Amino acid sequence: MNTPDNKIDKVALVVDMRSRAFFEDIQSIVTELTDNTSVNFKLLFLDANDTELVSRYVIIKIKGYCKMAFQKWLQKNANR
């Protein structure tokens, strides 16, 4: 991202608390990003239990499937 010809201007990083091996590096990464004034850095902490996360994942998958099925139906019936 630090190259002059880079066109990427936004990045999101998601870390799961269960990724314990990566957590040792997080503090130094957060410090480095916070100290860099050229980076618009935000840290967001979300908390949810496993049951809630799984139910949200299922809902998202169902919505995605419904949207895909509806788009296929629209394409099929567009010329009628």
PDB file of N, CA and C in Angstrom:
ATOM      1  N   MET A   1       0.812  -1.201   0.000  1.00  0.00           N
ATOM      2  CA  MET A   1       0.000   0.000   0.000  1.00  0.00           C
ATOM      3  C   MET A   1       0.852   1.260   0.000  1.00  0.00           C
ATOM      4  N   ASN A   2       2.102   1.152   0.269  1.00  0.00           N
ATOM      5  CA  ASN A   2       2.968   2.327   0.364  1.00  0.00           C
ATOM      6  C   ASN A   2       3.670   2.667  -0.936  1.00  0.00           C
ATOM      7  N   THR A   3       3.274   2.069  -2.039  1.00  0.00           N
ATOM      8  CA  THR A   3       3.903   2.386  -3.316  1.00  0.00           C
ATOM      9  C   THR A   3       3.186   3.574  -3.957  1.00  0.00           C
ATOM     10  N   PRO A   4       3.906   4.424  -4.702  1.00  0.00           N
ATOM     11  CA  PRO A   4       3.310   5.629  -5.283  1.00  0.00           C
ATOM     12  C   PRO A   4       2.180   5.344  -6.272  1.00  0.00           C
ATOM     13  N   ASP A   5       2.241   4.238  -6.996  1.00  0.00           N
ATOM     14  CA  ASP A   5       1.220   3.952  -8.013  1.00  0.00           C
ATOM     15  C   ASP A   5       0.053   3.138  -7.470  1.00  0.00           C
ATOM     16  N   ASN A   6      -0.008   2.965  -6.181  1.00  0.00           N
ATOM     17  CA  ASN A   6      -1.070   2.176  -5.573  1.00  0.00           C
ATOM     18  C   ASN A   6      -2.406   2.915  -5.638  1.00  0.00           C
ATOM     19  N   LYS A   7      -3.453   2.215  -6.065  1.00  0.00           N
ATOM     20  CA  LYS A   7      -4.772   2.826  -6.170  1.00  0.00           C
ATOM     21  C   LYS A   7      -5.692   2.408  -5.015  1.00  0.00           C
ATOM     22  N   ILE A   8      -5.195   1.583  -4.121  1.00  0.00           N
ATOM     23  CA  ILE A   8      -5.984   1.147  -2.964  1.00  0.00           C
ATOM     24  C   ILE A   8      -5.903   2.223  -1.900  1.00  0.00           C
ATOM     25  N   ASP A   9      -7.079   2.702  -1.453  1.00  0.00           N
ATOM     26  CA  ASP A   9      -7.055   3.744  -0.432  1.00  0.00           C
ATOM     27  C   ASP A   9      -7.807   3.344   0.838  1.00  0.00           C
ATOM     28  N   LYS A  10      -8.403   2.145   0.839  1.00  0.00           N
ATOM     29  CA  LYS A  10      -9.102   1.687   2.036  1.00  0.00           C
ATOM     30  C   LYS A  10      -8.830   0.203   2.242  1.00  0.00           C
ATOM     31  N   VAL A  11      -8.589  -0.151   3.490  1.00  0.00           N
ATOM     32  CA  VAL A  11      -8.330  -1.533   3.836  1.00  0.00           C
ATOM     33  C   VAL A  11      -9.032  -1.831   5.156  1.00  0.00           C
ATOM     34  N   ALA A  12      -9.602  -3.014   5.260  1.00  0.00           N
ATOM     35  CA  ALA A  12     -10.197  -3.465   6.514  1.00  0.00           C
ATOM     36  C   ALA A  12      -9.482  -4.734   6.944  1.00  0.00           C
ATOM     37  N   LEU A  13      -9.213  -4.821   8.203  1.00  0.00           N
ATOM     38  CA  LEU A  13      -8.591  -5.999   8.774  1.00  0.00           C
ATOM     39  C   LEU A  13      -9.502  -6.519   9.868  1.00  0.00           C
ATOM     40  N   VAL A  14      -9.836  -7.779   9.782  1.00  0.00           N
ATOM     41  CA  VAL A  14     -10.704  -8.407  10.773  1.00  0.00           C
ATOM     42  C   VAL A  14      -9.887  -9.453  11.516  1.00  0.00           C
ATOM     43  N   VAL A  15      -9.937  -9.394  12.832  1.00  0.00           N
ATOM     44  CA  VAL A  15      -9.209 -10.354  13.650  1.00  0.00           C
ATOM     45  C   VAL A  15     -10.197 -10.997  14.612  1.00  0.00           C
ATOM     46  N   ASP A  16     -10.202 -12.289  14.620  1.00  0.00           N
ATOM     47  CA  ASP A  16     -11.052 -13.054  15.527  1.00  0.00           C
ATOM     48  C   ASP A  16     -10.282 -13.300  16.820  1.00  0.00           C
ATOM     49  N   MET A  17     -10.916 -13.104  17.945  1.00  0.00           N
ATOM     50  CA  MET A  17     -10.271 -13.310  19.239  1.00  0.00           C
ATOM     51  C   MET A  17      -9.697 -14.716  19.374  1.00  0.00           C
ATOM     52  N   ARG A  18     -10.253 -15.653  18.649  1.00  0.00           N
ATOM     53  CA  ARG A  18      -9.762 -17.028  18.740  1.00  0.00           C
ATOM     54  C   ARG A  18      -8.436 -17.205  18.005  1.00  0.00           C
ATOM     55  N   SER A  19      -7.985 -16.172  17.300  1.00  0.00           N
ATOM     56  CA  SER A  19      -6.698 -16.218  16.591  1.00  0.00           C
ATOM     57  C   SER A  19      -5.591 -15.774  17.539  1.00  0.00           C
ATOM     58  N   ARG A  20      -5.377 -16.513  18.561  1.00  0.00           N
ATOM     59  CA  ARG A  20      -4.432 -16.132  19.630  1.00  0.00           C
ATOM     60  C   ARG A  20      -3.015 -15.905  19.121  1.00  0.00           C
ATOM     61  N   ALA A  21      -2.571 -16.674  18.139  1.00  0.00           N
ATOM     62  CA  ALA A  21      -1.192 -16.547  17.654  1.00  0.00           C
ATOM     63  C   ALA A  21      -0.927 -15.160  17.079  1.00  0.00           C
ATOM     64  N   PHE A  22      -1.911 -14.567  16.428  1.00  0.00           N
ATOM     65  CA  PHE A  22      -1.761 -13.259  15.808  1.00  0.00           C
ATOM     66  C   PHE A  22      -1.832 -12.132  16.837  1.00  0.00           C
ATOM     67  N   PHE A  23      -2.456 -12.395  17.973  1.00  0.00           N
ATOM     68  CA  PHE A  23      -2.688 -11.345  18.954  1.00  0.00           C
ATOM     69  C   PHE A  23      -1.411 -10.755  19.536  1.00  0.00           C
ATOM     70  N   GLU A  24      -0.341 -11.489  19.553  1.00  0.00           N
ATOM     71  CA  GLU A  24       0.912 -10.955  20.086  1.00  0.00           C
ATOM     72  C   GLU A  24       1.410  -9.776  19.252  1.00  0.00           C
ATOM     73  N   ASP A  25       1.094  -9.762  17.956  1.00  0.00           N
ATOM     74  CA  ASP A  25       1.559  -8.709  17.053  1.00  0.00           C
ATOM     75  C   ASP A  25       0.615  -7.513  16.976  1.00  0.00           C
ATOM     76  N   ILE A  26      -0.583  -7.671  17.465  1.00  0.00           N
ATOM     77  CA  ILE A  26      -1.591  -6.628  17.275  1.00  0.00           C
ATOM     78  C   ILE A  26      -1.208  -5.317  17.951  1.00  0.00           C
ATOM     79  N   GLN A  27      -0.702  -5.367  19.166  1.00  0.00           N
ATOM     80  CA  GLN A  27      -0.368  -4.133  19.886  1.00  0.00           C
ATOM     81  C   GLN A  27       0.640  -3.297  19.120  1.00  0.00           C
ATOM     82  N   SER A  28       1.667  -3.925  18.578  1.00  0.00           N
ATOM     83  CA  SER A  28       2.673  -3.146  17.834  1.00  0.00           C
ATOM     84  C   SER A  28       2.092  -2.608  16.533  1.00  0.00           C
ATOM     85  N   ILE A  29       1.226  -3.355  15.896  1.00  0.00           N
ATOM     86  CA  ILE A  29       0.584  -2.893  14.662  1.00  0.00           C
ATOM     87  C   ILE A  29      -0.319  -1.698  14.946  1.00  0.00           C
ATOM     88  N   VAL A  30      -1.110  -1.792  15.996  1.00  0.00           N
ATOM     89  CA  VAL A  30      -2.009  -0.686  16.375  1.00  0.00           C
ATOM     90  C   VAL A  30      -1.188   0.549  16.725  1.00  0.00           C
ATOM     91  N   THR A  31      -0.108   0.376  17.461  1.00  0.00           N
ATOM     92  CA  THR A  31       0.758   1.509  17.819  1.00  0.00           C
ATOM     93  C   THR A  31       1.348   2.152  16.573  1.00  0.00           C
ATOM     94  N   GLU A  32       1.832   1.334  15.659  1.00  0.00           N
ATOM     95  CA  GLU A  32       2.423   1.861  14.422  1.00  0.00           C
ATOM     96  C   GLU A  32       1.401   2.639  13.600  1.00  0.00           C
ATOM     97  N   LEU A  33       0.202   2.102  13.492  1.00  0.00           N
ATOM     98  CA  LEU A  33      -0.840   2.795  12.719  1.00  0.00           C
ATOM     99  C   LEU A  33      -1.291   4.077  13.402  1.00  0.00           C
ATOM    100  N   THR A  34      -1.385   4.050  14.707  1.00  0.00           N
ATOM    101  CA  THR A  34      -1.789   5.236  15.463  1.00  0.00           C
ATOM    102  C   THR A  34      -0.752   6.347  15.349  1.00  0.00           C
ATOM    103  N   ASP A  35       0.514   5.970  15.368  1.00  0.00           N
ATOM    104  CA  ASP A  35       1.598   6.962  15.291  1.00  0.00           C
ATOM    105  C   ASP A  35       1.773   7.550  13.885  1.00  0.00           C
ATOM    106  N   ASN A  36       1.288   6.869  12.880  1.00  0.00           N
ATOM    107  CA  ASN A  36       1.450   7.324  11.494  1.00  0.00           C
ATOM    108  C   ASN A  36       0.336   8.323  11.168  1.00  0.00           C
ATOM    109  N   THR A  37       0.692   9.603  11.107  1.00  0.00           N
ATOM    110  CA  THR A  37      -0.318  10.651  10.886  1.00  0.00           C
ATOM    111  C   THR A  37      -0.892  10.645   9.470  1.00  0.00           C
ATOM    112  N   SER A  38      -0.251   9.956   8.539  1.00  0.00           N
ATOM    113  CA  SER A  38      -0.769   9.910   7.170  1.00  0.00           C
ATOM    114  C   SER A  38      -1.824   8.815   6.991  1.00  0.00           C
ATOM    115  N   VAL A  39      -2.065   8.047   8.053  1.00  0.00           N
ATOM    116  CA  VAL A  39      -3.050   6.963   7.989  1.00  0.00           C
ATOM    117  C   VAL A  39      -4.261   7.333   8.822  1.00  0.00           C
ATOM    118  N   ASN A  40      -5.431   7.275   8.187  1.00  0.00           N
ATOM    119  CA  ASN A  40      -6.685   7.477   8.904  1.00  0.00           C
ATOM    120  C   ASN A  40      -7.083   6.123   9.470  1.00  0.00           C
ATOM    121  N   PHE A  41      -6.744   5.901  10.722  1.00  0.00           N
ATOM    122  CA  PHE A  41      -6.877   4.590  11.352  1.00  0.00           C
ATOM    123  C   PHE A  41      -7.983   4.613  12.398  1.00  0.00           C
ATOM    124  N   LYS A  42      -8.833   3.590  12.344  1.00  0.00           N
ATOM    125  CA  LYS A  42      -9.885   3.444  13.356  1.00  0.00           C
ATOM    126  C   LYS A  42      -9.868   2.008  13.854  1.00  0.00           C
ATOM    127  N   LEU A  43     -10.005   1.852  15.139  1.00  0.00           N
ATOM    128  CA  LEU A  43     -10.066   0.538  15.755  1.00  0.00           C
ATOM    129  C   LEU A  43     -11.478   0.339  16.269  1.00  0.00           C
ATOM    130  N   LEU A  44     -12.092  -0.733  15.853  1.00  0.00           N
ATOM    131  CA  LEU A  44     -13.463  -1.028  16.247  1.00  0.00           C
ATOM    132  C   LEU A  44     -13.486  -2.393  16.905  1.00  0.00           C
ATOM    133  N   PHE A  45     -14.047  -2.471  18.085  1.00  0.00           N
ATOM    134  CA  PHE A  45     -14.129  -3.724  18.811  1.00  0.00           C
ATOM    135  C   PHE A  45     -15.584  -4.143  18.880  1.00  0.00           C
ATOM    136  N   LEU A  46     -15.859  -5.335  18.379  1.00  0.00           N
ATOM    137  CA  LEU A  46     -17.209  -5.895  18.425  1.00  0.00           C
ATOM    138  C   LEU A  46     -17.186  -7.167  19.257  1.00  0.00           C
ATOM    139  N   ASP A  47     -18.232  -7.378  20.009  1.00  0.00           N
ATOM    140  CA  ASP A  47     -18.309  -8.558  20.851  1.00  0.00           C
ATOM    141  C   ASP A  47     -19.661  -9.236  20.643  1.00  0.00           C
ATOM    142  N   ALA A  48     -19.630 -10.536  20.475  1.00  0.00           N
ATOM    143  CA  ALA A  48     -20.862 -11.310  20.340  1.00  0.00           C
ATOM    144  C   ALA A  48     -20.545 -12.756  20.690  1.00  0.00           C
ATOM    145  N   ASN A  49     -21.547 -13.458  21.187  1.00  0.00           N
ATOM    146  CA  ASN A  49     -21.311 -14.872  21.493  1.00  0.00           C
ATOM    147  C   ASN A  49     -21.416 -15.707  20.212  1.00  0.00           C
ATOM    148  N   ASP A  50     -20.925 -16.934  20.258  1.00  0.00           N
ATOM    149  CA  ASP A  50     -20.886 -17.789  19.071  1.00  0.00           C
ATOM    150  C   ASP A  50     -22.270 -18.027  18.476  1.00  0.00           C
ATOM    151  N   THR A  51     -23.268 -18.208  19.319  1.00  0.00           N
ATOM    152  CA  THR A  51     -24.630 -18.456  18.828  1.00  0.00           C
ATOM    153  C   THR A  51     -25.119 -17.292  17.989  1.00  0.00           C
ATOM    154  N   GLU A  52     -24.873 -16.077  18.447  1.00  0.00           N
ATOM    155  CA  GLU A  52     -25.276 -14.878  17.709  1.00  0.00           C
ATOM    156  C   GLU A  52     -24.539 -14.770  16.384  1.00  0.00           C
ATOM    157  N   LEU A  53     -23.239 -15.031  16.408  1.00  0.00           N
ATOM    158  CA  LEU A  53     -22.450 -14.943  15.183  1.00  0.00           C
ATOM    159  C   LEU A  53     -22.919 -15.959  14.150  1.00  0.00           C
ATOM    160  N   VAL A  54     -23.183 -17.175  14.584  1.00  0.00           N
ATOM    161  CA  VAL A  54     -23.653 -18.214  13.661  1.00  0.00           C
ATOM    162  C   VAL A  54     -25.014 -17.850  13.097  1.00  0.00           C
ATOM    163  N   SER A  55     -25.916 -17.339  13.926  1.00  0.00           N
ATOM    164  CA  SER A  55     -27.250 -16.983  13.418  1.00  0.00           C
ATOM    165  C   SER A  55     -27.168 -15.838  12.410  1.00  0.00           C
ATOM    166  N   ARG A  56     -26.280 -14.868  12.636  1.00  0.00           N
ATOM    167  CA  ARG A  56     -26.100 -13.771  11.670  1.00  0.00           C
ATOM    168  C   ARG A  56     -25.518 -14.298  10.366  1.00  0.00           C
ATOM    169  N   TYR A  57     -24.565 -15.220  10.454  1.00  0.00           N
ATOM    170  CA  TYR A  57     -23.968 -15.808   9.260  1.00  0.00           C
ATOM    171  C   TYR A  57     -25.039 -16.530   8.441  1.00  0.00           C
ATOM    172  N   VAL A  58     -25.883 -17.286   9.110  1.00  0.00           N
ATOM    173  CA  VAL A  58     -26.950 -18.023   8.412  1.00  0.00           C
ATOM    174  C   VAL A  58     -27.900 -17.050   7.732  1.00  0.00           C
ATOM    175  N   ILE A  59     -28.280 -15.987   8.411  1.00  0.00           N
ATOM    176  CA  ILE A  59     -29.187 -14.993   7.833  1.00  0.00           C
ATOM    177  C   ILE A  59     -28.562 -14.351   6.599  1.00  0.00           C
ATOM    178  N   ILE A  60     -27.282 -14.010   6.680  1.00  0.00           N
ATOM    179  CA  ILE A  60     -26.598 -13.396   5.537  1.00  0.00           C
ATOM    180  C   ILE A  60     -26.569 -14.358   4.357  1.00  0.00           C
ATOM    181  N   LYS A  61     -26.291 -15.637   4.626  1.00  0.00           N
ATOM    182  CA  LYS A  61     -26.257 -16.630   3.550  1.00  0.00           C
ATOM    183  C   LYS A  61     -27.636 -16.786   2.918  1.00  0.00           C
ATOM    184  N   ILE A  62     -28.680 -16.803   3.731  1.00  0.00           N
ATOM    185  CA  ILE A  62     -30.047 -16.940   3.212  1.00  0.00           C
ATOM    186  C   ILE A  62     -30.409 -15.724   2.367  1.00  0.00           C
ATOM    187  N   LYS A  63     -30.090 -14.530   2.852  1.00  0.00           N
ATOM    188  CA  LYS A  63     -30.372 -13.315   2.082  1.00  0.00           C
ATOM    189  C   LYS A  63     -29.626 -13.318   0.758  1.00  0.00           C
ATOM    190  N   GLY A  64     -28.369 -13.747   0.799  1.00  0.00           N
ATOM    191  CA  GLY A  64     -27.574 -13.819  -0.425  1.00  0.00           C
ATOM    192  C   GLY A  64     -28.167 -14.800  -1.415  1.00  0.00           C
ATOM    193  N   TYR A  65     -28.618 -15.951  -0.933  1.00  0.00           N
ATOM    194  CA  TYR A  65     -29.228 -16.947  -1.806  1.00  0.00           C
ATOM    195  C   TYR A  65     -30.524 -16.404  -2.404  1.00  0.00           C
ATOM    196  N   CYS A  66     -31.346 -15.747  -1.589  1.00  0.00           N
ATOM    197  CA  CYS A  66     -32.613 -15.183  -2.072  1.00  0.00           C
ATOM    198  C   CYS A  66     -32.359 -14.112  -3.127  1.00  0.00           C
ATOM    199  N   LYS A  67     -31.375 -13.268  -2.898  1.00  0.00           N
ATOM    200  CA  LYS A  67     -31.045 -12.216  -3.861  1.00  0.00           C
ATOM    201  C   LYS A  67     -30.586 -12.827  -5.178  1.00  0.00           C
ATOM    202  N   MET A  68     -29.727 -13.847  -5.096  1.00  0.00           N
ATOM    203  CA  MET A  68     -29.233 -14.509  -6.296  1.00  0.00           C
ATOM    204  C   MET A  68     -30.382 -15.179  -7.053  1.00  0.00           C
ATOM    205  N   ALA A  69     -31.276 -15.855  -6.339  1.00  0.00           N
ATOM    206  CA  ALA A  69     -32.411 -16.522  -6.973  1.00  0.00           C
ATOM    207  C   ALA A  69     -33.332 -15.496  -7.628  1.00  0.00           C
ATOM    208  N   PHE A  70     -33.559 -14.364  -6.967  1.00  0.00           N
ATOM    209  CA  PHE A  70     -34.424 -13.325  -7.527  1.00  0.00           C
ATOM    210  C   PHE A  70     -33.801 -12.722  -8.790  1.00  0.00           C
ATOM    211  N   GLN A  71     -32.488 -12.490  -8.765  1.00  0.00           N
ATOM    212  CA  GLN A  71     -31.808 -11.949  -9.948  1.00  0.00           C
ATOM    213  C   GLN A  71     -31.900 -12.922 -11.125  1.00  0.00           C
ATOM    214  N   LYS A  72     -31.734 -14.208 -10.850  1.00  0.00           N
ATOM    215  CA  LYS A  72     -31.876 -15.210 -11.911  1.00  0.00           C
ATOM    216  C   LYS A  72     -33.300 -15.211 -12.458  1.00  0.00           C
ATOM    217  N   TRP A  73     -34.287 -15.088 -11.570  1.00  0.00           N
ATOM    218  CA  TRP A  73     -35.679 -15.049 -11.995  1.00  0.00           C
ATOM    219  C   TRP A  73     -35.935 -13.832 -12.869  1.00  0.00           C
ATOM    220  N   LEU A  74     -35.378 -12.667 -12.452  1.00  0.00           N
ATOM    221  CA  LEU A  74     -35.536 -11.432 -13.238  1.00  0.00           C
ATOM    222  C   LEU A  74     -34.933 -11.590 -14.635  1.00  0.00           C
ATOM    223  N   GLN A  75     -33.733 -12.171 -14.708  1.00  0.00           N
ATOM    224  CA  GLN A  75     -33.081 -12.376 -15.999  1.00  0.00           C
ATOM    225  C   GLN A  75     -33.909 -13.305 -16.873  1.00  0.00           C
ATOM    226  N   LYS A  76     -34.441 -14.327 -16.300  1.00  0.00           N
ATOM    227  CA  LYS A  76     -35.218 -15.307 -17.038  1.00  0.00           C
ATOM    228  C   LYS A  76     -36.520 -14.700 -17.557  1.00  0.00           C
ATOM    229  N   ASN A  77     -37.110 -13.822 -16.788  1.00  0.00           N
ATOM    230  CA  ASN A  77     -38.430 -13.282 -17.119  1.00  0.00           C
ATOM    231  C   ASN A  77     -38.387 -11.860 -17.677  1.00  0.00           C
ATOM    232  N   ALA A  78     -37.220 -11.335 -17.954  1.00  0.00           N
ATOM    233  CA  ALA A  78     -37.086  -9.951 -18.423  1.00  0.00           C
ATOM    234  C   ALA A  78     -37.714  -9.749 -19.800  1.00  0.00           C
ATOM    235  N   ASN A  79     -37.709 -10.729 -20.626  1.00  0.00           N
ATOM    236  CA  ASN A  79     -38.194 -10.581 -22.000  1.00  0.00           C
ATOM    237  C   ASN A  79     -39.652 -11.003 -22.172  1.00  0.00           C
ATOM    238  N   ARG A  80     -40.338 -11.272 -21.126  1.00  0.00           N
ATOM    239  CA  ARG A  80     -41.745 -11.694 -21.233  1.00  0.00           C
ATOM    240  C   ARG A  80     -42.670 -10.529 -21.356  1.00  0.00           C
TER     241      ARG A  80
END
